[in-house]
Amino acid sequence: MKTIEAGGNIDKGKLNIYNKNVFLQAINDIGFVNHIHLTLEYGNKRTLDQNSYLFGGVVQAINIVLRQNGYNFTDYECYKYLENRFCKTVDRNEKTGTKYHKIMPMKELSTEQFENIVMGEIRSWAEENLGIYIKMPHEYYDMDLSAYDAWKRGEITKSAAMKMTKQEN
């Protein structure tokens, strides 16, 4: 069986397909088939801009201060340090009842978990314990908030958001 895949999002109950013209062309090229099976896989995954922000705006900023304070972390080691410190969960062994800690990889955080842990806990910890201000994502990308939000929702491209910011300033 052959497959066609398309990414997208659902906003206010409406399915929005990324690269819709390419997807529709692929369907058109098929012509005719007598059976299809459609599965919609969904979830709130982190976006590329969140990943970039995490490493460039958060991890590297924290690691600069940690190095100044005598710690010899690579950026990746700093990332793992933050992951171990802030992504711990407590689970219970069903057979023995013993509690144990698990580390949830940051790369598996949902958008909501990312916002709570990275933009909440880690930013607060860095300010309180290291005395540094970690920029918010729109500040990191040098955009005003409305332009960043429009880009994040997929309404405009990153370059359009940058232009929108320049026009408003």
Protein backbone atom coordinates (compact mmCIF):
# COMPACT_ATOMS: atom_id res chain seq x y z
CA MET A 1 0.00 0.00 0.00
CA LYS A 2 1.32 3.45 -0.90
CA THR A 3 1.04 6.47 1.37
CA ILE A 4 0.81 10.22 1.12
CA GLU A 5 1.68 12.19 4.24
CA ALA A 6 0.93 15.79 5.08
CA GLY A 7 1.58 17.85 8.17
CA GLY A 8 -0.65 20.55 9.50
CA ASN A 9 -2.58 21.75 12.49
CA ILE A 10 -6.11 22.04 13.76
CA ASP A 11 -7.25 25.49 14.83
CA LYS A 12 -10.78 26.13 16.07
CA GLY A 13 -11.91 22.80 14.61
CA LYS A 14 -10.51 23.52 11.14
CA LEU A 15 -7.84 21.29 9.58
CA ASN A 16 -5.03 23.34 8.06
CA ILE A 17 -2.63 21.37 5.85
CA TYR A 18 0.89 22.71 5.39
CA ASN A 19 1.96 22.77 1.73
CA LYS A 20 -1.68 22.14 0.81
CA ASN A 21 -1.08 22.57 -2.94
CA VAL A 22 1.63 19.89 -2.94
CA PHE A 23 -0.64 17.54 -0.97
CA LEU A 24 -3.59 18.12 -3.31
CA GLN A 25 -1.37 17.62 -6.35
CA ALA A 26 -0.18 14.28 -4.96
CA ILE A 27 -3.80 13.20 -4.56
CA ASN A 28 -4.64 14.43 -8.06
CA ASP A 29 -1.69 12.47 -9.51
CA ILE A 30 -3.14 9.21 -8.14
CA GLY A 31 -6.16 9.39 -10.40
CA PHE A 32 -8.34 6.61 -9.02
CA VAL A 33 -8.16 4.04 -6.22
CA ASN A 34 -11.03 2.01 -4.83
CA HIS A 35 -9.95 2.10 -1.18
CA ILE A 36 -8.20 4.55 1.15
CA HIS A 37 -7.58 4.50 4.88
CA LEU A 38 -7.24 7.89 6.58
CA THR A 39 -5.61 8.23 10.01
CA LEU A 40 -5.15 11.54 11.77
CA GLU A 41 -2.22 11.50 14.19
CA TYR A 42 -2.23 14.54 16.44
CA GLY A 43 -0.65 16.09 19.45
CA ASN A 44 1.03 19.29 20.51
CA LYS A 45 4.65 18.87 19.54
CA ARG A 46 7.34 21.45 19.97
CA THR A 47 8.10 23.52 16.94
CA LEU A 48 11.44 24.20 15.31
CA ASP A 49 11.41 27.74 16.67
CA GLN A 50 10.95 26.39 20.21
CA ASN A 51 13.88 24.00 19.73
CA SER A 52 16.04 26.80 18.38
CA TYR A 53 15.00 29.08 21.24
CA LEU A 54 15.75 26.37 23.82
CA PHE A 55 19.29 25.83 22.61
CA GLY A 56 20.25 29.31 21.45
CA GLY A 57 18.25 31.46 23.83
CA VAL A 58 18.21 29.39 26.99
CA VAL A 59 20.93 26.72 27.14
CA GLN A 60 23.73 28.83 25.67
CA ALA A 61 22.83 31.87 27.81
CA ILE A 62 22.85 29.77 30.98
CA ASN A 63 26.03 27.94 30.01
CA ILE A 64 27.94 31.20 29.53
CA VAL A 65 27.24 32.10 33.16
CA LEU A 66 27.94 28.56 34.39
CA ARG A 67 31.34 28.66 32.65
CA GLN A 68 32.07 32.05 34.22
CA ASN A 69 31.27 30.42 37.57
CA GLY A 70 33.83 27.65 37.01
CA TYR A 71 31.68 24.89 35.53
CA ASN A 72 33.17 23.25 32.46
CA PHE A 73 30.01 22.23 30.57
CA THR A 74 29.65 21.93 26.83
CA ASP A 75 26.33 23.33 25.60
CA TYR A 76 25.03 19.76 25.27
CA GLU A 77 26.12 18.92 28.84
CA CYS A 78 24.36 22.06 30.05
CA TYR A 79 21.23 20.94 28.17
CA LYS A 80 21.41 17.53 29.90
CA TYR A 81 22.00 19.23 33.28
CA LEU A 82 18.85 21.31 32.81
CA GLU A 83 16.94 18.26 31.63
CA ASN A 84 17.97 16.29 34.74
CA ARG A 85 17.19 19.18 37.05
CA PHE A 86 13.81 20.25 35.65
CA CYS A 87 12.30 17.27 33.84
CA LYS A 88 12.15 14.83 36.76
CA THR A 89 8.93 13.01 37.38
CA VAL A 90 8.07 10.62 40.18
CA ASP A 91 6.64 7.26 39.24
CA ARG A 92 5.68 4.23 41.31
CA ASN A 93 6.59 0.60 40.77
CA GLU A 94 3.23 -1.16 40.45
CA LYS A 95 4.51 -4.40 42.00
CA THR A 96 6.45 -3.03 44.98
CA GLY A 97 4.91 0.42 45.46
CA THR A 98 8.40 1.92 45.50
CA LYS A 99 8.63 5.47 44.20
CA TYR A 100 11.39 6.31 41.74
CA HIS A 101 12.45 9.27 39.60
CA LYS A 102 12.33 9.32 35.84
CA ILE A 103 13.78 11.98 33.57
CA MET A 104 11.54 13.05 30.72
CA PRO A 105 13.70 14.03 27.74
CA MET A 106 13.21 17.70 26.86
CA LYS A 107 12.84 16.71 23.21
CA GLU A 108 9.66 14.84 24.14
CA LEU A 109 7.99 17.72 25.98
CA SER A 110 4.67 18.86 24.59
CA THR A 111 4.26 22.53 23.77
CA GLU A 112 2.47 23.06 27.10
CA GLN A 113 5.15 21.22 29.09
CA PHE A 114 7.84 23.17 27.23
CA GLU A 115 6.22 26.47 28.16
CA ASN A 116 5.82 25.45 31.81
CA ILE A 117 9.31 24.04 32.27
CA VAL A 118 11.48 26.14 29.97
CA MET A 119 9.68 29.46 29.93
CA GLY A 120 8.55 29.14 33.54
CA GLU A 121 10.78 27.08 35.79
CA ILE A 122 14.14 27.35 33.99
CA ARG A 123 13.85 31.07 33.26
CA SER A 124 12.88 31.77 36.89
CA TRP A 125 15.70 29.57 38.23
CA ALA A 126 18.25 31.31 35.99
CA GLU A 127 17.15 34.74 37.16
CA GLU A 128 17.00 33.83 40.87
CA ASN A 129 20.15 31.66 41.05
CA LEU A 130 22.39 32.96 38.29
CA GLY A 131 21.23 36.56 38.13
CA ILE A 132 20.54 36.48 34.38
CA TYR A 133 17.52 37.40 32.36
CA ILE A 134 16.58 34.81 29.74
CA LYS A 135 14.76 36.45 26.86
CA MET A 136 11.24 35.41 25.94
CA PRO A 137 10.98 33.73 22.51
CA HIS A 138 9.75 36.86 20.72
CA GLU A 139 12.66 38.82 22.24
CA TYR A 140 15.11 36.10 21.21
CA TYR A 141 13.85 36.32 17.62
CA ASP A 142 13.81 40.13 17.82
CA MET A 143 10.10 40.32 16.97
CA ASP A 144 7.26 42.11 18.60
CA LEU A 145 4.78 39.81 20.32
CA SER A 146 1.98 40.11 17.74
CA ALA A 147 4.35 39.25 14.86
CA TYR A 148 5.82 36.33 16.79
CA ASP A 149 2.37 34.97 17.65
CA ALA A 150 1.25 35.18 14.02
CA TRP A 151 4.40 33.33 12.93
CA LYS A 152 3.98 30.73 15.68
CA ARG A 153 0.38 30.06 14.59
CA GLY A 154 1.57 29.55 11.01
CA GLU A 155 -0.31 32.57 9.67
CA ILE A 156 2.83 34.25 8.29
CA THR A 157 6.39 33.28 7.49
CA LYS A 158 9.32 34.16 9.72
CA SER A 159 10.54 36.77 7.24
CA ALA A 160 7.06 38.32 7.13
CA ALA A 161 7.06 38.48 10.95
CA MET A 162 10.45 40.20 10.88
CA LYS A 163 9.16 42.75 8.34
CA MET A 164 6.01 43.28 10.39
CA THR A 165 8.16 44.03 13.45
CA LYS A 166 10.32 46.52 11.55
CA GLN A 167 7.24 48.31 10.19
CA GLU A 168 5.68 48.62 13.64
CA ASN A 169 8.89 50.00 15.17
